[in-house]
Amino acid sequence: MGIYDRDYYRQGGSGFRLRAPRTAVVAIILINVAVYVVEIVETSSARGHGRVVELLGTHVDARHPQDDTLTRPWMWWQFLTYGFTHSPADVQHIIFNMLTLFFLGRDVEQWYGTREFIRLYLVMLAFSGLVWAVTTRLLHGDSAPLIGASGAISGVVVLYALLFPKRTLLFMFVLPLPAWLLGAMAIAFDIFGSLGGGNPQVAYVAHLGGAAFALAYFYFHWNLGGIFVPLVAWIKGRRRPSLKVFKPDEGADEAVTDEEVDRILTKIHREGEHSLTAKERRIMENASREYRRRRGSE
């Protein structure tokens, strides 16, 4: 899209240039598509037969513990990488997941901020994969590798339904339904499937794991940045400042609406000031300056 860039204009440019949208949702989709292309090329060649899935997927194999993700701590990164792989034989799987992420995930990312959304998405992936692995080990003993982003996508659907319950969405691109009803239907469908009423090749338990984490995240007002940021700062041996100092004129020309300020104040009340993104901090700085200007003119 064309984006107006003041710095580019000051350097002699026209003021407009093409820039890729800086959103985590788009980045996640691109990574999934890139891995899927590699899978297709690899499985269609004479030298490869599903080695990407074997490497990146989450495994449960009671008969061969040396191939089990759960019993090999050094392979626990597979609880993340499985969510970026999809079966080359089922293109509908990746299309449905990525479309859902694109249409619903962007609003969830805007609500929580890009950094928090990335942390949340990865944690939902890991948690849903862990729930599936533990449940599969306890009930079945072994299974085909777990692949697909559906666990985290289920969490995104639930969060969207909780954040924007009255928004109207098109079920199957045809039937208009409120977001809260679609979220409830998704959970009910996964419960039904996990009880044996669905496709045995679908990891309904992983879907429920992602949905459960999303519900807890919303109702307990968690903020993953409050956990990971201090941990990273401690590892680096220095503290991260709680506030970022902006130049007085930074973002000064951005329009500020009462609705946007109310949304940010609600977010501060729910999650604390440290949850704000850089853009939200600029908006509150502008709103504060505008308020002081109005008071001074009275």
Protein backbone atom coordinates (compact mmCIF):
# COMPACT_ATOMS: atom_id res chain seq x y z
CA MET A 1 0.00 0.00 0.00
CA GLY A 2 1.10 3.63 -0.41
CA ILE A 3 2.13 5.14 2.91
CA TYR A 4 2.97 8.79 3.53
CA ASP A 5 6.44 9.03 5.06
CA ARG A 6 7.50 12.42 6.51
CA ASP A 7 11.15 11.42 6.91
CA TYR A 8 11.31 10.28 3.30
CA TYR A 9 9.74 13.58 2.23
CA ARG A 10 12.30 15.59 4.21
CA GLN A 11 15.08 13.71 2.44
CA GLY A 12 13.84 14.92 -0.94
CA GLY A 13 11.33 12.22 -1.84
CA SER A 14 7.75 12.79 -2.90
CA GLY A 15 6.45 11.79 0.49
CA PHE A 16 4.86 8.58 -0.68
CA ARG A 17 6.48 5.20 -1.15
CA LEU A 18 5.49 1.54 -1.10
CA ARG A 19 6.12 -0.26 2.15
CA ALA A 20 5.12 -3.72 3.29
CA PRO A 21 2.59 -3.66 6.17
CA ARG A 22 4.33 -4.19 9.49
CA THR A 23 1.98 -6.69 11.06
CA ALA A 24 2.71 -9.96 12.79
CA VAL A 25 -0.29 -11.58 11.10
CA VAL A 26 1.12 -10.97 7.60
CA ALA A 27 4.56 -12.21 8.70
CA ILE A 28 3.09 -15.41 10.18
CA ILE A 29 1.10 -16.07 7.01
CA LEU A 30 4.17 -15.57 4.82
CA ILE A 31 6.21 -17.98 6.96
CA ASN A 32 3.47 -20.63 6.75
CA VAL A 33 3.19 -20.25 2.98
CA ALA A 34 6.97 -20.40 2.54
CA VAL A 35 7.23 -23.61 4.57
CA TYR A 36 4.29 -25.09 2.66
CA VAL A 37 6.02 -24.40 -0.67
CA VAL A 38 9.17 -26.11 0.63
CA GLU A 39 7.06 -29.10 1.69
CA ILE A 40 5.47 -29.39 -1.75
CA VAL A 41 8.83 -29.20 -3.52
CA GLU A 42 10.40 -31.65 -1.09
CA THR A 43 7.63 -34.26 -1.28
CA SER A 44 7.43 -34.04 -5.09
CA SER A 45 11.14 -34.69 -5.55
CA ALA A 46 12.61 -38.17 -5.83
CA ARG A 47 14.94 -37.56 -2.90
CA GLY A 48 12.44 -36.37 -0.32
CA HIS A 49 9.46 -38.00 1.35
CA GLY A 50 8.02 -35.82 4.10
CA ARG A 51 11.27 -34.95 5.85
CA VAL A 52 10.04 -31.41 6.63
CA VAL A 53 7.10 -32.81 8.57
CA GLU A 54 9.33 -35.30 10.36
CA LEU A 55 11.71 -32.54 11.37
CA LEU A 56 9.24 -29.80 12.34
CA GLY A 57 6.20 -31.78 13.50
CA THR A 58 5.42 -32.74 17.11
CA HIS A 59 5.73 -36.50 17.69
CA VAL A 60 4.21 -38.96 20.17
CA ASP A 61 5.55 -42.50 19.86
CA ALA A 62 5.37 -44.77 22.90
CA ARG A 63 6.95 -47.68 21.02
CA HIS A 64 10.00 -45.64 20.00
CA PRO A 65 10.75 -43.11 22.79
CA GLN A 66 13.82 -41.90 20.90
CA ASP A 67 11.41 -40.36 18.37
CA ASP A 68 9.05 -38.86 20.97
CA THR A 69 9.04 -35.06 21.41
CA LEU A 70 7.77 -35.28 24.98
CA THR A 71 10.65 -37.43 26.22
CA ARG A 72 13.38 -35.44 24.44
CA PRO A 73 13.71 -31.97 26.03
CA TRP A 74 16.24 -30.93 23.41
CA MET A 75 13.49 -31.35 20.79
CA TRP A 76 10.84 -29.28 22.55
CA TRP A 77 11.21 -26.57 19.90
CA GLN A 78 8.97 -28.85 17.83
CA PHE A 79 6.07 -27.64 20.01
CA LEU A 80 6.46 -24.35 18.09
CA THR A 81 7.61 -25.40 14.64
CA TYR A 82 4.74 -27.83 14.09
CA GLY A 83 2.42 -24.81 13.85
CA PHE A 84 4.14 -23.56 10.71
CA THR A 85 3.74 -26.79 8.73
CA HIS A 86 0.69 -28.14 6.89
CA SER A 87 0.03 -31.31 4.93
CA PRO A 88 0.91 -30.89 1.23
CA ALA A 89 -1.92 -33.30 0.46
CA ASP A 90 -4.55 -31.02 2.07
CA VAL A 91 -4.36 -27.50 0.65
CA GLN A 92 -7.71 -26.60 2.22
CA HIS A 93 -6.11 -26.89 5.66
CA ILE A 94 -3.59 -24.10 5.16
CA ILE A 95 -6.02 -21.94 3.15
CA PHE A 96 -8.68 -22.06 5.87
CA ASN A 97 -6.16 -21.40 8.66
CA MET A 98 -4.47 -18.48 6.92
CA LEU A 99 -7.74 -16.86 5.81
CA THR A 100 -9.08 -17.06 9.35
CA LEU A 101 -5.87 -15.58 10.72
CA PHE A 102 -5.91 -12.80 8.12
CA PHE A 103 -9.53 -11.73 8.66
CA LEU A 104 -9.68 -12.09 12.45
CA GLY A 105 -6.08 -11.93 13.62
CA ARG A 106 -5.39 -8.37 12.49
CA ASP A 107 -7.98 -6.88 14.85
CA VAL A 108 -6.74 -9.04 17.72
CA GLU A 109 -3.17 -7.91 16.99
CA GLN A 110 -4.24 -4.26 16.92
CA TRP A 111 -6.00 -4.67 20.25
CA TYR A 112 -3.09 -6.26 22.10
CA GLY A 113 -0.19 -4.80 20.14
CA THR A 114 2.18 -6.56 17.74
CA ARG A 115 4.74 -7.75 20.29
CA GLU A 116 2.15 -9.10 22.69
CA PHE A 117 0.28 -10.76 19.82
CA ILE A 118 3.45 -12.56 18.70
CA ARG A 119 4.08 -13.80 22.25
CA LEU A 120 0.45 -14.86 22.59
CA TYR A 121 0.35 -16.67 19.24
CA LEU A 122 3.52 -18.66 19.97
CA VAL A 123 2.40 -19.57 23.50
CA MET A 124 -0.98 -20.76 22.18
CA LEU A 125 0.88 -22.89 19.63
CA ALA A 126 3.12 -24.42 22.29
CA PHE A 127 0.28 -24.97 24.78
CA SER A 128 -2.08 -26.58 22.26
CA GLY A 129 0.74 -28.85 21.03
CA LEU A 130 1.60 -29.86 24.58
CA VAL A 131 -2.05 -30.59 25.43
CA TRP A 132 -2.32 -32.76 22.32
CA ALA A 133 0.91 -34.63 23.07
CA VAL A 134 0.03 -35.37 26.69
CA THR A 135 -3.54 -36.39 25.84
CA THR A 136 -2.41 -38.60 22.96
CA ARG A 137 0.18 -40.32 25.12
CA LEU A 138 -2.34 -40.99 27.90
CA LEU A 139 -5.16 -42.20 25.64
CA HIS A 140 -3.55 -43.74 22.59
CA GLY A 141 0.18 -44.12 23.09
CA ASP A 142 1.32 -43.06 19.61
CA SER A 143 0.08 -41.07 16.67
CA ALA A 144 1.02 -39.41 13.39
CA PRO A 145 2.98 -36.17 13.79
CA LEU A 146 0.99 -33.10 14.80
CA ILE A 147 1.17 -30.32 12.19
CA GLY A 148 -0.83 -27.19 11.43
CA ALA A 149 -1.61 -23.81 13.00
CA SER A 150 -5.15 -24.74 14.00
CA GLY A 151 -4.47 -24.71 17.76
CA ALA A 152 -3.33 -21.08 17.73
CA ILE A 153 -5.98 -20.15 15.14
CA SER A 154 -8.68 -21.50 17.47
CA GLY A 155 -7.32 -19.22 20.18
CA VAL A 156 -7.45 -16.24 17.80
CA VAL A 157 -11.08 -17.05 16.94
CA VAL A 158 -12.01 -17.20 20.63
CA LEU A 159 -10.23 -13.93 21.42
CA TYR A 160 -11.95 -12.20 18.51
CA ALA A 161 -15.34 -13.44 19.71
CA LEU A 162 -14.61 -12.17 23.23
CA LEU A 163 -13.23 -8.80 22.14
CA PHE A 164 -15.82 -8.07 19.43
CA PRO A 165 -18.84 -10.25 20.30
CA LYS A 166 -21.44 -8.21 18.41
CA ARG A 167 -19.59 -7.91 15.12
CA THR A 168 -21.23 -9.73 12.23
CA LEU A 169 -19.19 -12.37 10.38
CA LEU A 170 -20.14 -14.44 7.35
CA PHE A 171 -20.20 -18.13 8.21
CA MET A 172 -18.91 -20.04 5.17
CA PHE A 173 -18.85 -16.60 3.48
CA VAL A 174 -22.64 -16.73 3.22
CA LEU A 175 -24.58 -16.76 6.52
CA PRO A 176 -24.23 -13.63 8.71
CA LEU A 177 -23.74 -14.51 12.38
CA PRO A 178 -22.49 -12.58 15.43
CA ALA A 179 -18.87 -13.25 16.36
CA TRP A 180 -19.77 -14.64 19.80
CA LEU A 181 -21.98 -17.31 18.20
CA LEU A 182 -19.29 -18.36 15.74
CA GLY A 183 -16.80 -18.65 18.60
CA ALA A 184 -19.23 -20.80 20.59
CA MET A 185 -19.92 -22.97 17.55
CA ALA A 186 -16.19 -23.52 16.97
CA ILE A 187 -15.67 -24.68 20.56
CA ALA A 188 -18.75 -26.93 20.44
CA PHE A 189 -17.56 -28.49 17.17
CA ASP A 190 -14.12 -29.24 18.62
CA ILE A 191 -15.64 -30.77 21.77
CA PHE A 192 -17.85 -32.98 19.61
CA GLY A 193 -14.88 -34.00 17.48
CA SER A 194 -12.65 -34.75 20.46
CA LEU A 195 -15.31 -37.13 21.78
CA GLY A 196 -15.08 -39.21 18.62
CA GLY A 197 -17.68 -37.52 16.46
CA GLY A 198 -15.34 -36.00 13.89
CA ASN A 199 -12.50 -36.79 11.53
CA PRO A 200 -9.95 -38.98 13.39
CA GLN A 201 -7.12 -37.25 11.51
CA VAL A 202 -8.02 -33.85 12.99
CA ALA A 203 -6.38 -32.87 16.30
CA TYR A 204 -9.49 -31.47 18.00
CA VAL A 205 -7.76 -31.63 21.38
CA ALA A 206 -5.10 -29.22 20.13
CA HIS A 207 -7.86 -26.83 19.01
CA LEU A 208 -9.40 -26.99 22.47
CA GLY A 209 -5.99 -26.36 24.06
CA GLY A 210 -5.56 -23.13 22.10
CA ALA A 211 -9.14 -22.06 22.85
CA ALA A 212 -8.72 -22.80 26.56
CA PHE A 213 -5.55 -20.71 26.80
CA ALA A 214 -7.26 -17.84 24.97
CA LEU A 215 -10.19 -17.95 27.41
CA ALA A 216 -7.86 -17.90 30.41
CA TYR A 217 -5.75 -15.13 28.87
CA PHE A 218 -8.83 -12.95 28.39
CA TYR A 219 -10.66 -13.54 31.66
CA PHE A 220 -7.58 -13.38 33.91
CA HIS A 221 -6.22 -10.30 32.10
CA TRP A 222 -2.82 -11.86 31.53
CA ASN A 223 -0.01 -9.96 29.87
CA LEU A 224 2.79 -12.13 28.56
CA GLY A 225 5.08 -9.14 28.16
CA GLY A 226 5.06 -8.77 31.93
CA ILE A 227 6.63 -12.24 32.10
CA PHE A 228 8.98 -12.38 29.14
CA VAL A 229 10.31 -8.82 29.10
CA PRO A 230 11.69 -8.88 32.70
CA LEU A 231 13.08 -12.36 32.05
CA VAL A 232 14.94 -11.19 28.94
CA ALA A 233 16.16 -8.09 30.79
CA TRP A 234 17.44 -10.25 33.63
CA ILE A 235 19.26 -12.50 31.18
CA LYS A 236 20.85 -9.49 29.53
CA GLY A 237 21.83 -8.13 32.94
CA ARG A 238 20.02 -4.86 32.59
CA ARG A 239 16.54 -3.49 33.16
CA ARG A 240 14.28 -2.27 30.45
CA PRO A 241 12.80 1.17 31.21
CA SER A 242 9.09 1.10 31.90
CA LEU A 243 8.44 4.17 29.75
CA LYS A 244 9.79 5.20 26.37
CA VAL A 245 10.67 8.86 25.94
CA PHE A 246 9.45 10.42 22.71
CA LYS A 247 10.49 13.64 21.04
CA PRO A 248 7.91 16.40 21.60
CA ASP A 249 7.04 16.56 17.89
CA GLU A 250 6.97 12.77 17.29
CA GLY A 251 3.54 11.87 15.91
CA ALA A 252 2.26 15.34 16.86
CA ASP A 253 0.21 15.62 13.68
CA GLU A 254 -1.65 12.35 14.17
CA ALA A 255 -5.39 12.75 14.66
CA VAL A 256 -6.68 11.62 18.04
CA THR A 257 -10.30 10.52 18.49
CA ASP A 258 -12.18 10.15 21.75
CA GLU A 259 -13.03 6.55 20.85
CA GLU A 260 -9.35 5.67 20.42
CA VAL A 261 -8.42 7.31 23.73
CA ASP A 262 -11.24 5.46 25.51
CA ARG A 263 -10.04 2.16 24.04
CA ILE A 264 -6.48 2.77 25.21
CA LEU A 265 -7.62 3.81 28.70
CA THR A 266 -9.65 0.60 28.92
CA LYS A 267 -6.58 -1.39 27.88
CA ILE A 268 -4.46 0.34 30.56
CA HIS A 269 -7.10 -0.51 33.16
CA ARG A 270 -7.22 -4.16 32.07
CA GLU A 271 -3.56 -4.88 31.36
CA GLY A 272 -1.44 -2.04 32.75
CA GLU A 273 0.56 0.73 31.11
CA HIS A 274 3.38 -1.62 30.09
CA SER A 275 1.02 -3.31 27.61
CA LEU A 276 0.79 -0.23 25.38
CA THR A 277 2.36 -0.25 21.94
CA ALA A 278 4.55 2.59 20.66
CA LYS A 279 1.66 3.91 18.56
CA GLU A 280 -0.72 3.88 21.54
CA ARG A 281 1.80 5.78 23.67
CA ARG A 282 2.08 8.43 20.94
CA ILE A 283 -1.71 8.74 20.81
CA MET A 284 -1.89 9.32 24.58
CA GLU A 285 0.96 11.87 24.35
CA ASN A 286 -0.95 13.75 21.64
CA ALA A 287 -4.20 13.57 23.62
CA SER A 288 -2.46 14.94 26.71
CA ARG A 289 -0.94 17.85 24.74
CA GLU A 290 -4.31 18.62 23.16
CA TYR A 291 -5.99 18.59 26.59
CA ARG A 292 -3.39 20.99 28.03
CA ARG A 293 -3.76 23.25 25.01
CA ARG A 294 -7.52 23.43 25.45
CA ARG A 295 -7.18 24.16 29.18
CA GLY A 296 -4.70 26.94 28.43
CA SER A 297 -7.03 28.59 25.93
CA GLU A 298 -9.99 28.70 28.32
